[in-house]
């Protein structure tokens, strides 16, 4: 077998970054945008019915009349941001996919929504204003290494006004226990998510210590072999609260999801409501 393929299929050290920023790749970012905008698909954004329920719950939990300035971290194409704007928030969205930000800006203009979108790496954001409320939705927090999680928690804390709120969600230990290690492959002769032309994709799904998993996809196209890594850390309510408290936050609520379901350790997700 091609040595490049063998190397690409090997398990890397935990939280090794992908060799390419696939979320900003011209082709792959287009595929990701399609997935975000599909109202019945949960691979990029959650289903539209859940998003509507989630946005309504968040607007009731942290009302725009009291917390008007909202920061949407990892906003993607603006699906939540638009709902927040209609609810009465003054919204700033930050994302590191140029295609998603371009789409979000165009969509906001077409609907006459006053939303500020910034094409930035949120791990490096230093915004010129403070916010009353920040959200980080669809378990993005767990996709970060421990150092990067500390970084973003500290940055959000600094970016919030005194008394400001932060709500985020993560995958729970129940989801970690449900995660099944396996290896698969597929041949896409007419193109697919990763490439417009023929390619083969080899997938490995692996568990690591400290409640970490990896979705590894090695794409073989012509003479090119490219591995992509999707990492995730899973949390208990206590472990997530500990990371938030280390940044200075106080926990004001734990829920079963980002739409306010009652907390249950059997849920695959949990969300946490923090205050500065």
C-alpha atoms as a PDB file:
ATOM      1  CA  UNK A   1       0.000   0.000   0.000  1.00  0.00           C
ATOM      2  CA  UNK A   2       1.101   3.566  -0.679  1.00  0.00           C
ATOM      3  CA  UNK A   3       3.183   4.782   2.289  1.00  0.00           C
ATOM      4  CA  UNK A   4       1.356   8.117   2.203  1.00  0.00           C
ATOM      5  CA  UNK A   5      -1.924   6.316   2.794  1.00  0.00           C
ATOM      6  CA  UNK A   6      -0.470   4.306   5.674  1.00  0.00           C
ATOM      7  CA  UNK A   7       0.862   7.467   7.331  1.00  0.00           C
ATOM      8  CA  UNK A   8      -2.443   9.281   6.826  1.00  0.00           C
ATOM      9  CA  UNK A   9      -4.368   6.455   8.501  1.00  0.00           C
ATOM     10  CA  UNK A  10      -2.235   6.319  11.642  1.00  0.00           C
ATOM     11  CA  UNK A  11      -3.694   7.698  14.875  1.00  0.00           C
ATOM     12  CA  UNK A  12      -2.087  11.076  15.608  1.00  0.00           C
ATOM     13  CA  UNK A  13      -1.371  12.509  19.038  1.00  0.00           C
ATOM     14  CA  UNK A  14      -4.459  13.992  20.657  1.00  0.00           C
ATOM     15  CA  UNK A  15      -5.542  17.309  19.173  1.00  0.00           C
ATOM     16  CA  UNK A  16      -2.999  17.271  16.365  1.00  0.00           C
ATOM     17  CA  UNK A  17      -4.408  19.862  13.948  1.00  0.00           C
ATOM     18  CA  UNK A  18      -5.381  18.984  10.391  1.00  0.00           C
ATOM     19  CA  UNK A  19      -2.726  19.946   7.892  1.00  0.00           C
ATOM     20  CA  UNK A  20      -5.164  22.207   6.057  1.00  0.00           C
ATOM     21  CA  UNK A  21      -7.869  24.610   7.222  1.00  0.00           C
ATOM     22  CA  UNK A  22     -10.632  22.610   5.552  1.00  0.00           C
ATOM     23  CA  UNK A  23     -13.396  24.905   6.889  1.00  0.00           C
ATOM     24  CA  UNK A  24     -11.962  27.640   4.644  1.00  0.00           C
ATOM     25  CA  UNK A  25     -11.170  25.419   1.646  1.00  0.00           C
ATOM     26  CA  UNK A  26     -12.989  26.774  -1.408  1.00  0.00           C
ATOM     27  CA  UNK A  27     -14.756  23.495  -2.230  1.00  0.00           C
ATOM     28  CA  UNK A  28     -15.226  21.943   1.222  1.00  0.00           C
ATOM     29  CA  UNK A  29     -16.530  25.194   2.716  1.00  0.00           C
ATOM     30  CA  UNK A  30     -19.217  25.186   0.025  1.00  0.00           C
ATOM     31  CA  UNK A  31     -20.236  21.677   1.042  1.00  0.00           C
ATOM     32  CA  UNK A  32     -20.281  22.734   4.690  1.00  0.00           C
ATOM     33  CA  UNK A  33     -22.484  25.717   3.846  1.00  0.00           C
ATOM     34  CA  UNK A  34     -24.975  23.439   2.103  1.00  0.00           C
ATOM     35  CA  UNK A  35     -25.043  21.243   5.209  1.00  0.00           C
ATOM     36  CA  UNK A  36     -25.573  24.268   7.483  1.00  0.00           C
ATOM     37  CA  UNK A  37     -28.515  25.450   5.410  1.00  0.00           C
ATOM     38  CA  UNK A  38     -30.281  22.085   5.129  1.00  0.00           C
ATOM     39  CA  UNK A  39     -33.147  22.416   7.658  1.00  0.00           C
ATOM     40  CA  UNK A  40     -33.413  18.649   8.132  1.00  0.00           C
ATOM     41  CA  UNK A  41     -29.707  17.771   8.482  1.00  0.00           C
ATOM     42  CA  UNK A  42     -27.780  17.764  11.768  1.00  0.00           C
ATOM     43  CA  UNK A  43     -24.215  17.314  10.509  1.00  0.00           C
ATOM     44  CA  UNK A  44     -23.308  21.014  10.564  1.00  0.00           C
ATOM     45  CA  UNK A  45     -26.180  22.889  12.217  1.00  0.00           C
ATOM     46  CA  UNK A  46     -29.013  21.315  14.131  1.00  0.00           C
ATOM     47  CA  UNK A  47     -32.428  20.922  12.536  1.00  0.00           C
ATOM     48  CA  UNK A  48     -34.284  24.187  12.004  1.00  0.00           C
ATOM     49  CA  UNK A  49     -37.089  23.226  14.393  1.00  0.00           C
ATOM     50  CA  UNK A  50     -34.557  22.789  17.214  1.00  0.00           C
ATOM     51  CA  UNK A  51     -32.732  26.026  16.321  1.00  0.00           C
ATOM     52  CA  UNK A  52     -35.983  27.973  16.567  1.00  0.00           C
ATOM     53  CA  UNK A  53     -36.769  26.408  19.944  1.00  0.00           C
ATOM     54  CA  UNK A  54     -33.207  27.039  21.143  1.00  0.00           C
ATOM     55  CA  UNK A  55     -33.113  30.697  20.074  1.00  0.00           C
ATOM     56  CA  UNK A  56     -36.469  31.329  21.766  1.00  0.00           C
ATOM     57  CA  UNK A  57     -35.286  29.723  25.016  1.00  0.00           C
ATOM     58  CA  UNK A  58     -32.018  31.670  25.042  1.00  0.00           C
ATOM     59  CA  UNK A  59     -33.903  34.922  24.421  1.00  0.00           C
ATOM     60  CA  UNK A  60     -36.083  34.179  27.442  1.00  0.00           C
ATOM     61  CA  UNK A  61     -33.191  33.092  29.647  1.00  0.00           C
ATOM     62  CA  UNK A  62     -31.099  36.190  28.859  1.00  0.00           C
ATOM     63  CA  UNK A  63     -33.595  38.771  27.531  1.00  0.00           C
ATOM     64  CA  UNK A  64     -32.385  41.378  25.029  1.00  0.00           C
ATOM     65  CA  UNK A  65     -34.085  44.142  27.006  1.00  0.00           C
ATOM     66  CA  UNK A  66     -31.558  43.544  29.800  1.00  0.00           C
ATOM     67  CA  UNK A  67     -28.619  42.143  27.802  1.00  0.00           C
ATOM     68  CA  UNK A  68     -28.765  43.868  24.403  1.00  0.00           C
ATOM     69  CA  UNK A  69     -25.241  43.294  23.028  1.00  0.00           C
ATOM     70  CA  UNK A  70     -24.825  39.655  21.919  1.00  0.00           C
ATOM     71  CA  UNK A  71     -21.666  37.910  20.663  1.00  0.00           C
ATOM     72  CA  UNK A  72     -22.244  34.750  18.584  1.00  0.00           C
ATOM     73  CA  UNK A  73     -18.952  32.799  18.628  1.00  0.00           C
ATOM     74  CA  UNK A  74     -18.594  30.431  15.673  1.00  0.00           C
ATOM     75  CA  UNK A  75     -21.689  31.932  14.046  1.00  0.00           C
ATOM     76  CA  UNK A  76     -21.355  30.059  10.736  1.00  0.00           C
ATOM     77  CA  UNK A  77     -23.742  31.397   8.071  1.00  0.00           C
ATOM     78  CA  UNK A  78     -25.760  33.334  10.652  1.00  0.00           C
ATOM     79  CA  UNK A  79     -28.699  31.019  11.274  1.00  0.00           C
ATOM     80  CA  UNK A  80     -28.829  31.756  15.007  1.00  0.00           C
ATOM     81  CA  UNK A  81     -27.594  35.337  14.595  1.00  0.00           C
ATOM     82  CA  UNK A  82     -30.573  36.245  12.435  1.00  0.00           C
ATOM     83  CA  UNK A  83     -33.013  34.851  14.969  1.00  0.00           C
ATOM     84  CA  UNK A  84     -31.255  36.728  17.756  1.00  0.00           C
ATOM     85  CA  UNK A  85     -31.421  39.959  15.747  1.00  0.00           C
ATOM     86  CA  UNK A  86     -35.160  39.511  15.217  1.00  0.00           C
ATOM     87  CA  UNK A  87     -35.557  38.912  18.944  1.00  0.00           C
ATOM     88  CA  UNK A  88     -34.101  42.353  19.609  1.00  0.00           C
ATOM     89  CA  UNK A  89     -30.387  41.794  20.262  1.00  0.00           C
ATOM     90  CA  UNK A  90     -27.604  43.852  18.685  1.00  0.00           C
ATOM     91  CA  UNK A  91     -25.648  40.935  17.250  1.00  0.00           C
ATOM     92  CA  UNK A  92     -21.979  40.472  16.396  1.00  0.00           C
ATOM     93  CA  UNK A  93     -21.034  37.141  14.811  1.00  0.00           C
ATOM     94  CA  UNK A  94     -17.486  35.776  14.565  1.00  0.00           C
ATOM     95  CA  UNK A  95     -16.426  32.856  12.360  1.00  0.00           C
ATOM     96  CA  UNK A  96     -13.278  31.637  10.587  1.00  0.00           C
ATOM     97  CA  UNK A  97     -14.998  30.427   7.415  1.00  0.00           C
ATOM     98  CA  UNK A  98     -14.896  33.190   4.827  1.00  0.00           C
ATOM     99  CA  UNK A  99     -17.659  31.550   2.791  1.00  0.00           C
ATOM    100  CA  UNK A 100     -19.974  31.356   5.808  1.00  0.00           C
ATOM    101  CA  UNK A 101     -19.302  34.981   6.756  1.00  0.00           C
ATOM    102  CA  UNK A 102     -19.851  36.165   3.171  1.00  0.00           C
ATOM    103  CA  UNK A 103     -23.145  34.279   3.037  1.00  0.00           C
ATOM    104  CA  UNK A 104     -24.209  35.628   6.443  1.00  0.00           C
ATOM    105  CA  UNK A 105     -23.512  39.222   5.417  1.00  0.00           C
ATOM    106  CA  UNK A 106     -25.437  38.850   2.181  1.00  0.00           C
ATOM    107  CA  UNK A 107     -28.353  37.156   3.946  1.00  0.00           C
ATOM    108  CA  UNK A 108     -28.535  39.892   6.594  1.00  0.00           C
ATOM    109  CA  UNK A 109     -28.516  42.626   3.939  1.00  0.00           C
ATOM    110  CA  UNK A 110     -31.268  40.921   1.956  1.00  0.00           C
ATOM    111  CA  UNK A 111     -33.476  40.859   5.073  1.00  0.00           C
ATOM    112  CA  UNK A 112     -32.510  44.335   6.294  1.00  0.00           C
ATOM    113  CA  UNK A 113     -31.023  42.903   9.502  1.00  0.00           C
ATOM    114  CA  UNK A 114     -28.371  44.992  11.248  1.00  0.00           C
ATOM    115  CA  UNK A 115     -25.835  42.301  12.173  1.00  0.00           C
ATOM    116  CA  UNK A 116     -22.058  42.778  12.359  1.00  0.00           C
ATOM    117  CA  UNK A 117     -20.116  39.777  11.027  1.00  0.00           C
ATOM    118  CA  UNK A 118     -16.377  39.400  11.539  1.00  0.00           C
ATOM    119  CA  UNK A 119     -14.124  36.970   9.686  1.00  0.00           C
ATOM    120  CA  UNK A 120     -11.790  36.084  12.559  1.00  0.00           C
ATOM    121  CA  UNK A 121     -10.271  33.175  14.396  1.00  0.00           C
ATOM    122  CA  UNK A 122     -12.165  33.379  17.672  1.00  0.00           C
ATOM    123  CA  UNK A 123      -9.119  32.003  19.500  1.00  0.00           C
ATOM    124  CA  UNK A 124      -7.392  35.285  18.639  1.00  0.00           C
ATOM    125  CA  UNK A 125     -10.322  37.703  18.855  1.00  0.00           C
ATOM    126  CA  UNK A 126      -9.780  41.036  20.520  1.00  0.00           C
ATOM    127  CA  UNK A 127     -12.960  42.976  19.810  1.00  0.00           C
ATOM    128  CA  UNK A 128     -13.223  46.747  20.298  1.00  0.00           C
ATOM    129  CA  UNK A 129     -16.420  46.539  22.366  1.00  0.00           C
ATOM    130  CA  UNK A 130     -17.784  44.638  25.354  1.00  0.00           C
ATOM    131  CA  UNK A 131     -20.860  42.433  25.297  1.00  0.00           C
ATOM    132  CA  UNK A 132     -23.731  41.600  27.625  1.00  0.00           C
ATOM    133  CA  UNK A 133     -24.250  38.057  26.366  1.00  0.00           C
ATOM    134  CA  UNK A 134     -22.115  35.504  24.484  1.00  0.00           C
ATOM    135  CA  UNK A 135     -23.101  32.146  23.013  1.00  0.00           C
ATOM    136  CA  UNK A 136     -21.045  29.256  21.627  1.00  0.00           C
ATOM    137  CA  UNK A 137     -23.473  26.771  20.105  1.00  0.00           C
ATOM    138  CA  UNK A 138     -23.376  23.219  18.722  1.00  0.00           C
ATOM    139  CA  UNK A 139     -20.613  21.838  20.915  1.00  0.00           C
ATOM    140  CA  UNK A 140     -17.783  23.854  19.335  1.00  0.00           C
ATOM    141  CA  UNK A 141     -16.130  24.190  22.739  1.00  0.00           C
ATOM    142  CA  UNK A 142     -15.316  20.472  22.933  1.00  0.00           C
ATOM    143  CA  UNK A 143     -13.651  20.548  19.513  1.00  0.00           C
ATOM    144  CA  UNK A 144     -10.834  22.552  21.127  1.00  0.00           C
ATOM    145  CA  UNK A 145      -7.806  21.276  23.011  1.00  0.00           C
ATOM    146  CA  UNK A 146      -7.522  21.980  26.745  1.00  0.00           C
ATOM    147  CA  UNK A 147      -5.199  24.939  26.100  1.00  0.00           C
ATOM    148  CA  UNK A 148      -7.523  26.383  23.453  1.00  0.00           C
ATOM    149  CA  UNK A 149     -10.545  25.926  25.712  1.00  0.00           C
ATOM    150  CA  UNK A 150      -8.793  27.885  28.450  1.00  0.00           C
ATOM    151  CA  UNK A 151      -7.928  30.522  25.870  1.00  0.00           C
ATOM    152  CA  UNK A 152     -11.504  30.967  24.642  1.00  0.00           C
ATOM    153  CA  UNK A 153     -13.003  30.878  28.149  1.00  0.00           C
ATOM    154  CA  UNK A 154     -10.579  33.598  29.274  1.00  0.00           C
ATOM    155  CA  UNK A 155     -11.221  35.684  26.143  1.00  0.00           C
ATOM    156  CA  UNK A 156     -14.997  35.500  26.531  1.00  0.00           C
ATOM    157  CA  UNK A 157     -14.707  36.451  30.196  1.00  0.00           C
ATOM    158  CA  UNK A 158     -12.643  39.523  29.278  1.00  0.00           C
ATOM    159  CA  UNK A 159     -15.009  40.431  26.438  1.00  0.00           C
ATOM    160  CA  UNK A 160     -18.113  40.470  28.671  1.00  0.00           C
ATOM    161  CA  UNK A 161     -19.326  43.395  30.733  1.00  0.00           C
ATOM    162  CA  UNK A 162     -19.621  42.881  34.508  1.00  0.00           C
ATOM    163  CA  UNK A 163     -22.670  40.696  35.055  1.00  0.00           C
ATOM    164  CA  UNK A 164     -22.499  39.472  31.457  1.00  0.00           C
ATOM    165  CA  UNK A 165     -23.728  35.980  30.545  1.00  0.00           C
ATOM    166  CA  UNK A 166     -22.203  33.111  28.573  1.00  0.00           C
ATOM    167  CA  UNK A 167     -24.142  30.044  27.428  1.00  0.00           C
ATOM    168  CA  UNK A 168     -22.513  27.110  25.626  1.00  0.00           C
ATOM    169  CA  UNK A 169     -23.182  23.452  25.016  1.00  0.00           C
ATOM    170  CA  UNK A 170     -20.966  20.349  24.835  1.00  0.00           C
ATOM    171  CA  UNK A 171     -21.260  16.624  24.327  1.00  0.00           C
ATOM    172  CA  UNK A 172     -21.704  14.697  27.557  1.00  0.00           C
ATOM    173  CA  UNK A 173     -20.107  11.555  28.928  1.00  0.00           C
ATOM    174  CA  UNK A 174     -23.198   9.660  27.801  1.00  0.00           C
ATOM    175  CA  UNK A 175     -22.243  10.528  24.210  1.00  0.00           C
ATOM    176  CA  UNK A 176     -18.667   9.402  24.899  1.00  0.00           C
ATOM    177  CA  UNK A 177     -19.930   6.036  26.132  1.00  0.00           C
ATOM    178  CA  UNK A 178     -22.134   5.731  23.024  1.00  0.00           C
ATOM    179  CA  UNK A 179     -19.176   6.469  20.728  1.00  0.00           C
ATOM    180  CA  UNK A 180     -18.137   3.298  18.888  1.00  0.00           C
ATOM    181  CA  UNK A 181     -14.606   2.812  17.578  1.00  0.00           C
ATOM    182  CA  UNK A 182     -14.603   1.564  13.991  1.00  0.00           C
ATOM    183  CA  UNK A 183     -13.007   1.886  10.550  1.00  0.00           C
ATOM    184  CA  UNK A 184     -14.846   2.359   7.252  1.00  0.00           C
ATOM    185  CA  UNK A 185     -14.164   3.524   3.708  1.00  0.00           C
ATOM    186  CA  UNK A 186     -16.076   4.752   0.683  1.00  0.00           C
ATOM    187  CA  UNK A 187     -15.376   5.329  -3.007  1.00  0.00           C
ATOM    188  CA  UNK A 188     -16.937   8.520  -4.409  1.00  0.00           C
ATOM    189  CA  UNK A 189     -16.581   8.226  -8.175  1.00  0.00           C
ATOM    190  CA  UNK A 190     -18.712  11.291  -8.920  1.00  0.00           C
ATOM    191  CA  UNK A 191     -17.358  13.472  -6.149  1.00  0.00           C
ATOM    192  CA  UNK A 192     -18.814  14.168  -2.737  1.00  0.00           C
ATOM    193  CA  UNK A 193     -18.277  16.199   0.415  1.00  0.00           C
ATOM    194  CA  UNK A 194     -14.473  16.264   0.284  1.00  0.00           C
ATOM    195  CA  UNK A 195     -13.710  16.639  -3.431  1.00  0.00           C
ATOM    196  CA  UNK A 196     -15.610  17.551  -6.626  1.00  0.00           C
ATOM    197  CA  UNK A 197     -14.066  14.641  -8.569  1.00  0.00           C
ATOM    198  CA  UNK A 198     -13.357  10.974  -7.901  1.00  0.00           C
ATOM    199  CA  UNK A 199     -11.802  10.122  -4.544  1.00  0.00           C
ATOM    200  CA  UNK A 200     -11.702   7.471  -1.855  1.00  0.00           C
ATOM    201  CA  UNK A 201     -12.205   8.309   1.813  1.00  0.00           C
ATOM    202  CA  UNK A 202     -10.898   6.121   4.633  1.00  0.00           C
ATOM    203  CA  UNK A 203     -12.482   6.846   8.035  1.00  0.00           C
ATOM    204  CA  UNK A 204     -11.331   5.912  11.508  1.00  0.00           C
ATOM    205  CA  UNK A 205     -13.244   6.675  14.705  1.00  0.00           C
ATOM    206  CA  UNK A 206     -11.082   6.422  17.811  1.00  0.00           C
ATOM    207  CA  UNK A 207     -11.247   6.976  21.553  1.00  0.00           C
ATOM    208  CA  UNK A 208      -8.401   8.619  23.454  1.00  0.00           C
ATOM    209  CA  UNK A 209      -7.716   9.082  27.169  1.00  0.00           C
ATOM    210  CA  UNK A 210      -9.288  12.002  29.040  1.00  0.00           C
ATOM    211  CA  UNK A 211     -12.650  11.552  27.284  1.00  0.00           C
ATOM    212  CA  UNK A 212     -11.425  12.581  23.835  1.00  0.00           C
ATOM    213  CA  UNK A 213     -12.463  11.147  20.463  1.00  0.00           C
ATOM    214  CA  UNK A 214     -11.197  11.560  16.907  1.00  0.00           C
ATOM    215  CA  UNK A 215     -13.067  11.308  13.605  1.00  0.00           C
ATOM    216  CA  UNK A 216     -10.241  10.793  11.097  1.00  0.00           C
ATOM    217  CA  UNK A 217     -10.875  10.991   7.357  1.00  0.00           C
ATOM    218  CA  UNK A 218      -8.020  10.322   4.928  1.00  0.00           C
ATOM    219  CA  UNK A 219      -8.949  11.464   1.417  1.00  0.00           C
ATOM    220  CA  UNK A 220      -7.139   9.838  -1.519  1.00  0.00           C
ATOM    221  CA  UNK A 221      -7.516  11.762  -4.766  1.00  0.00           C
ATOM    222  CA  UNK A 222      -5.081  11.120  -7.614  1.00  0.00           C
ATOM    223  CA  UNK A 223      -1.614  11.274  -6.054  1.00  0.00           C
ATOM    224  CA  UNK A 224      -2.843  13.389  -3.138  1.00  0.00           C
ATOM    225  CA  UNK A 225      -3.491  11.888   0.297  1.00  0.00           C
ATOM    226  CA  UNK A 226      -4.904  14.320   2.862  1.00  0.00           C
ATOM    227  CA  UNK A 227      -5.935  13.475   6.442  1.00  0.00           C
ATOM    228  CA  UNK A 228      -8.588  15.558   8.226  1.00  0.00           C
ATOM    229  CA  UNK A 229      -9.061  15.437  11.994  1.00  0.00           C
ATOM    230  CA  UNK A 230     -12.237  16.239  13.914  1.00  0.00           C
ATOM    231  CA  UNK A 231     -11.574  16.163  17.663  1.00  0.00           C
ATOM    232  CA  UNK A 232     -13.990  16.261  20.548  1.00  0.00           C
ATOM    233  CA  UNK A 233     -13.793  16.296  24.333  1.00  0.00           C
ATOM    234  CA  UNK A 234     -16.782  15.098  26.375  1.00  0.00           C
ATOM    235  CA  UNK A 235     -17.790  16.554  29.727  1.00  0.00           C
ATOM    236  CA  UNK A 236     -19.611  16.007  32.950  1.00  0.00           C
ATOM    237  CA  UNK A 237     -21.457  18.994  34.394  1.00  0.00           C
ATOM    238  CA  UNK A 238     -18.740  19.150  37.048  1.00  0.00           C
ATOM    239  CA  UNK A 239     -15.792  19.128  34.632  1.00  0.00           C
ATOM    240  CA  UNK A 240     -17.339  21.829  32.430  1.00  0.00           C
ATOM    241  CA  UNK A 241     -18.201  23.966  35.449  1.00  0.00           C
ATOM    242  CA  UNK A 242     -14.620  23.599  36.688  1.00  0.00           C
ATOM    243  CA  UNK A 243     -13.178  25.000  33.454  1.00  0.00           C
ATOM    244  CA  UNK A 244     -15.626  27.921  33.550  1.00  0.00           C
ATOM    245  CA  UNK A 245     -14.937  28.678  37.202  1.00  0.00           C
ATOM    246  CA  UNK A 246     -11.179  28.666  36.564  1.00  0.00           C
ATOM    247  CA  UNK A 247     -11.775  31.609  34.210  1.00  0.00           C
ATOM    248  CA  UNK A 248     -13.765  33.484  36.849  1.00  0.00           C
ATOM    249  CA  UNK A 249     -17.311  32.582  35.820  1.00  0.00           C
ATOM    250  CA  UNK A 250     -20.063  31.573  38.219  1.00  0.00           C
ATOM    251  CA  UNK A 251     -22.456  28.785  37.225  1.00  0.00           C
ATOM    252  CA  UNK A 252     -26.104  29.849  37.196  1.00  0.00           C
ATOM    253  CA  UNK A 253     -27.642  26.781  35.575  1.00  0.00           C
ATOM    254  CA  UNK A 254     -26.989  23.431  33.894  1.00  0.00           C
ATOM    255  CA  UNK A 255     -29.388  22.021  31.291  1.00  0.00           C
ATOM    256  CA  UNK A 256     -29.785  18.957  29.124  1.00  0.00           C
ATOM    257  CA  UNK A 257     -29.360  20.872  25.872  1.00  0.00           C
ATOM    258  CA  UNK A 258     -29.097  24.381  24.443  1.00  0.00           C
ATOM    259  CA  UNK A 259     -32.895  24.606  24.276  1.00  0.00           C
ATOM    260  CA  UNK A 260     -33.340  24.340  28.052  1.00  0.00           C
ATOM    261  CA  UNK A 261     -34.233  20.672  28.525  1.00  0.00           C
ATOM    262  CA  UNK A 262     -33.863  19.509  32.150  1.00  0.00           C
ATOM    263  CA  UNK A 263     -30.369  18.253  32.927  1.00  0.00           C
ATOM    264  CA  UNK A 264     -30.050  14.470  32.747  1.00  0.00           C
ATOM    265  CA  UNK A 265     -26.790  12.503  32.771  1.00  0.00           C
ATOM    266  CA  UNK A 266     -28.215  10.197  30.082  1.00  0.00           C
ATOM    267  CA  UNK A 267     -28.511  13.088  27.591  1.00  0.00           C
ATOM    268  CA  UNK A 268     -25.885  13.206  24.843  1.00  0.00           C
ATOM    269  CA  UNK A 269     -25.415  16.943  25.405  1.00  0.00           C
ATOM    270  CA  UNK A 270     -25.434  19.428  28.247  1.00  0.00           C
ATOM    271  CA  UNK A 271     -25.382  23.204  28.339  1.00  0.00           C
ATOM    272  CA  UNK A 272     -24.220  25.605  30.999  1.00  0.00           C
ATOM    273  CA  UNK A 273     -25.353  29.131  31.906  1.00  0.00           C
ATOM    274  CA  UNK A 274     -22.514  31.282  33.236  1.00  0.00           C
ATOM    275  CA  UNK A 275     -22.235  34.803  34.579  1.00  0.00           C
ATOM    276  CA  UNK A 276     -19.257  37.084  34.987  1.00  0.00           C
END
